[in-house]
Amino acid sequence: MCFSATASFTTAAVTGSIGLLCLARVQARRDLLLAAMPLVFAVQQGLEGLLWLRMNQGAPSGGVLPLAFLIFARGVWPVFAPIAAHLAEPMAARRRLIAPWIAVGLGVGAYLTWGLFGHPHSAALADGHIAYDFENVQAPSYFIALAYLAAISLPLLLSTQASMKVLGAVVLTGSVVAYVFYLQTFQSVWCYFAATASVVLLAHFQWSRRGGALANCDA
């Protein structure tokens, strides 16, 4: 999945298909962004597959492909996730709790994207994965990491829908595990958990289509 071009392209095809299935099961416009998550991930994995091909051919490790992948990983997701969770949340009171995390995600995403454009970056093979190396701006890195983690997981965990809480738990657990055990290749390794998240999303829309038996969990 994150260890070869074939695996990356296969993951892109599978998650892209899951995304199309999710979109086909959408019953309310507010759920469209949430349903599109697997498609966005598929594009990201496709980019990494192209990068694998380029690196296997001995091409330089810098350029557009690692930058594009990192824009998705660091700039898109902290904005996309809280907005999707906010739109999909049916309870107004809970949306008010989720809303501040959109601002956090916008701030973190803008900061990290600015760091990518303002400093050198490259990619290299490391232990069967791709390690993305770049010199980011000087900042309280732990604070930024926590803010990023909060932006992509807390809005989902705050949802009144049980399946969204499961999705948030997968995102949170995957991020922590990838960060603790695979720090150097964090952006690449996390794809294992993102693929799992795509399956959770498909289950969410399938349950919703059948009447939401497992969709609501008003806390």
Protein backbone atom coordinates (compact mmCIF):
# COMPACT_ATOMS: atom_id res chain seq x y z
CA MET A 1 0.00 0.00 0.00
CA CYS A 2 2.72 2.45 0.95
CA PHE A 3 5.65 0.27 -0.06
CA SER A 4 5.56 0.15 -3.89
CA ALA A 5 4.09 1.83 -6.93
CA THR A 6 1.79 -1.13 -7.55
CA ALA A 7 0.51 -1.08 -3.99
CA SER A 8 -0.09 2.68 -4.08
CA PHE A 9 -1.98 2.50 -7.38
CA THR A 10 -4.01 -0.47 -6.12
CA THR A 11 -4.92 1.45 -2.99
CA ALA A 12 -5.88 4.45 -5.11
CA ALA A 13 -8.15 2.27 -7.26
CA VAL A 14 -9.79 0.59 -4.27
CA THR A 15 -10.35 3.77 -2.27
CA GLY A 16 -11.50 5.60 -5.39
CA SER A 17 -14.09 2.88 -5.96
CA ILE A 18 -15.16 3.13 -2.33
CA GLY A 19 -15.53 6.89 -2.77
CA LEU A 20 -17.81 6.40 -5.78
CA LEU A 21 -19.91 3.92 -3.80
CA CYS A 22 -20.15 6.40 -0.93
CA LEU A 23 -21.28 9.17 -3.28
CA ALA A 24 -23.87 6.84 -4.81
CA ARG A 25 -25.34 6.29 -1.33
CA VAL A 26 -25.51 9.94 -0.33
CA GLN A 27 -29.05 10.98 0.57
CA ALA A 28 -28.40 14.57 1.63
CA ARG A 29 -26.23 17.24 0.00
CA ARG A 30 -24.59 18.00 3.35
CA ASP A 31 -22.94 14.56 3.20
CA LEU A 32 -21.26 15.05 -0.18
CA LEU A 33 -17.93 16.29 1.18
CA LEU A 34 -17.77 13.44 3.68
CA ALA A 35 -18.53 10.90 0.96
CA ALA A 36 -15.77 12.37 -1.22
CA MET A 37 -13.07 11.69 1.38
CA PRO A 38 -12.00 8.33 -0.13
CA LEU A 39 -11.73 9.98 -3.56
CA VAL A 40 -9.43 12.67 -2.20
CA PHE A 41 -7.34 9.98 -0.56
CA ALA A 42 -7.26 8.06 -3.87
CA VAL A 43 -5.79 11.11 -5.63
CA GLN A 44 -3.17 11.40 -2.90
CA GLN A 45 -2.22 7.75 -3.22
CA GLY A 46 -2.07 8.06 -7.00
CA LEU A 47 0.44 10.86 -6.59
CA GLU A 48 2.56 8.68 -4.34
CA GLY A 49 2.37 5.86 -6.89
CA LEU A 50 3.75 8.22 -9.54
CA LEU A 51 6.48 9.25 -7.14
CA TRP A 52 7.39 5.60 -6.58
CA LEU A 53 7.74 5.12 -10.34
CA ARG A 54 9.88 8.22 -10.62
CA MET A 55 12.18 7.18 -7.77
CA ASN A 56 12.49 3.60 -9.05
CA GLN A 57 13.77 5.06 -12.32
CA GLY A 58 16.47 6.94 -10.44
CA ALA A 59 14.99 10.38 -11.10
CA PRO A 60 15.68 13.29 -8.70
CA SER A 61 13.61 13.10 -5.52
CA GLY A 62 12.48 16.73 -5.53
CA GLY A 63 9.99 18.51 -7.75
CA VAL A 64 6.24 18.63 -8.14
CA LEU A 65 5.22 15.12 -7.03
CA PRO A 66 6.48 15.20 -3.41
CA LEU A 67 5.19 18.75 -3.10
CA ALA A 68 1.73 17.77 -4.37
CA PHE A 69 1.58 14.76 -2.03
CA LEU A 70 2.59 16.87 0.96
CA ILE A 71 0.04 19.55 0.12
CA PHE A 72 -2.65 16.89 0.44
CA ALA A 73 -1.16 15.40 3.61
CA ARG A 74 -0.41 18.66 5.40
CA GLY A 75 -2.56 21.31 3.80
CA VAL A 76 -5.76 19.67 2.59
CA TRP A 77 -6.72 17.21 5.34
CA PRO A 78 -6.73 19.56 8.36
CA VAL A 79 -9.17 21.77 6.43
CA PHE A 80 -11.19 19.09 4.63
CA ALA A 81 -11.89 16.86 7.65
CA PRO A 82 -13.46 19.41 10.03
CA ILE A 83 -15.54 21.04 7.28
CA ALA A 84 -16.86 17.65 6.15
CA ALA A 85 -17.68 16.68 9.75
CA HIS A 86 -19.42 20.01 10.37
CA LEU A 87 -21.56 19.76 7.23
CA ALA A 88 -22.52 16.14 7.90
CA GLU A 89 -23.52 16.71 11.55
CA PRO A 90 -27.35 16.77 11.86
CA MET A 91 -27.51 18.40 15.33
CA ALA A 92 -27.14 22.19 15.42
CA ALA A 93 -25.77 22.22 18.97
CA ARG A 94 -23.03 19.78 18.06
CA ARG A 95 -22.18 21.73 14.90
CA ARG A 96 -21.44 24.70 17.14
CA LEU A 97 -18.89 22.57 19.00
CA ILE A 98 -17.29 21.41 15.77
CA ALA A 99 -17.13 24.86 14.13
CA PRO A 100 -14.07 26.19 16.07
CA TRP A 101 -12.01 23.27 14.80
CA ILE A 102 -12.54 24.45 11.24
CA ALA A 103 -10.64 27.61 12.17
CA VAL A 104 -7.91 25.50 13.77
CA GLY A 105 -7.66 23.38 10.63
CA LEU A 106 -7.50 26.42 8.37
CA GLY A 107 -4.71 27.89 10.46
CA VAL A 108 -2.68 24.68 10.64
CA GLY A 109 -3.22 23.88 6.96
CA ALA A 110 -2.18 27.37 5.87
CA TYR A 111 0.88 27.33 8.12
CA LEU A 112 2.10 23.93 6.94
CA THR A 113 1.41 24.71 3.28
CA TRP A 114 3.35 27.97 3.57
CA GLY A 115 6.23 25.99 5.07
CA LEU A 116 6.23 23.63 2.09
CA PHE A 117 6.48 26.44 -0.46
CA GLY A 118 8.99 28.41 1.55
CA HIS A 119 11.55 25.71 2.26
CA PRO A 120 13.34 22.89 0.38
CA HIS A 121 11.67 19.48 0.36
CA SER A 122 12.44 16.07 -1.13
CA ALA A 123 11.58 12.39 -0.86
CA ALA A 124 13.73 9.31 -0.23
CA LEU A 125 13.22 5.59 0.25
CA ALA A 126 13.47 4.46 3.88
CA ASP A 127 12.69 0.96 5.19
CA GLY A 128 10.36 0.17 2.32
CA HIS A 129 8.44 3.45 2.58
CA ILE A 130 8.86 6.96 1.26
CA ALA A 131 10.26 9.50 3.71
CA TYR A 132 9.43 13.12 2.97
CA ASP A 133 12.19 15.46 4.07
CA PHE A 134 11.85 19.21 4.22
CA GLU A 135 13.05 22.07 6.36
CA ASN A 136 9.96 23.67 7.83
CA VAL A 137 9.77 27.07 9.46
CA GLN A 138 10.88 27.34 13.06
CA ALA A 139 7.85 26.91 15.30
CA PRO A 140 6.56 25.06 18.37
CA SER A 141 6.38 21.81 16.41
CA TYR A 142 4.60 19.82 19.11
CA PHE A 143 1.90 22.47 19.30
CA ILE A 144 1.42 22.35 15.51
CA ALA A 145 1.34 18.54 15.56
CA LEU A 146 -1.31 18.51 18.30
CA ALA A 147 -3.36 21.16 16.50
CA TYR A 148 -3.17 19.13 13.28
CA LEU A 149 -4.22 15.96 15.11
CA ALA A 150 -7.10 17.76 16.80
CA ALA A 151 -8.32 19.27 13.52
CA ILE A 152 -8.50 15.93 11.67
CA SER A 153 -9.94 13.82 14.50
CA LEU A 154 -11.88 15.81 17.12
CA PRO A 155 -14.61 17.06 14.74
CA LEU A 156 -15.37 13.43 13.88
CA LEU A 157 -15.26 12.32 17.51
CA LEU A 158 -17.65 15.13 18.44
CA SER A 159 -20.27 13.87 15.99
CA THR A 160 -23.58 12.52 17.27
CA GLN A 161 -23.30 9.72 14.69
CA ALA A 162 -21.75 6.51 16.00
CA SER A 163 -20.03 5.64 12.73
CA MET A 164 -18.40 9.09 12.63
CA LYS A 165 -17.04 8.49 16.12
CA VAL A 166 -15.54 5.22 14.85
CA LEU A 167 -14.03 7.09 11.92
CA GLY A 168 -12.56 9.68 14.27
CA ALA A 169 -11.10 6.90 16.45
CA VAL A 170 -9.47 5.29 13.40
CA VAL A 171 -7.98 8.62 12.31
CA LEU A 172 -6.73 9.42 15.81
CA THR A 173 -5.28 5.96 16.45
CA GLY A 174 -3.67 5.76 13.03
CA SER A 175 -2.06 9.16 13.38
CA VAL A 176 -0.66 8.43 16.84
CA VAL A 177 0.69 5.01 15.86
CA ALA A 178 2.26 6.33 12.64
CA TYR A 179 3.80 9.28 14.48
CA VAL A 180 5.19 7.23 17.38
CA PHE A 181 6.54 4.25 15.46
CA TYR A 182 7.17 5.63 11.96
CA LEU A 183 8.04 9.28 12.48
CA GLN A 184 10.38 9.52 9.48
CA THR A 185 7.80 8.05 7.09
CA PHE A 186 4.69 9.33 8.87
CA GLN A 187 2.89 10.76 5.82
CA SER A 188 3.36 7.56 3.84
CA VAL A 189 2.65 4.98 6.56
CA TRP A 190 -0.59 6.67 7.61
CA CYS A 191 -2.18 5.42 4.40
CA TYR A 192 -2.84 2.04 6.07
CA PHE A 193 -5.23 3.73 8.45
CA ALA A 194 -6.70 6.04 5.83
CA ALA A 195 -7.71 2.97 3.82
CA THR A 196 -9.44 1.60 6.92
CA ALA A 197 -11.18 4.95 7.35
CA SER A 198 -12.52 4.67 3.80
CA VAL A 199 -14.14 1.33 4.65
CA VAL A 200 -15.70 2.88 7.76
CA LEU A 201 -17.15 5.65 5.59
CA LEU A 202 -18.66 3.12 3.19
CA ALA A 203 -20.27 1.33 6.14
CA HIS A 204 -21.58 4.67 7.41
CA PHE A 205 -23.36 5.47 4.15
CA GLN A 206 -24.62 1.91 3.81
CA TRP A 207 -26.16 2.08 7.30
CA SER A 208 -27.62 5.50 6.55
CA ARG A 209 -29.21 4.18 3.37
CA ARG A 210 -30.85 1.38 5.36
CA GLY A 211 -32.41 3.80 7.80
CA GLY A 212 -29.52 4.81 10.05
CA ALA A 213 -29.87 1.95 12.54
CA LEU A 214 -26.28 2.46 13.63
CA ALA A 215 -25.84 6.04 12.47
CA ASN A 216 -27.16 7.98 15.44
CA CYS A 217 -25.60 8.13 18.84
CA ASP A 218 -26.74 11.42 20.36
CA ALA A 219 -24.42 12.05 23.26
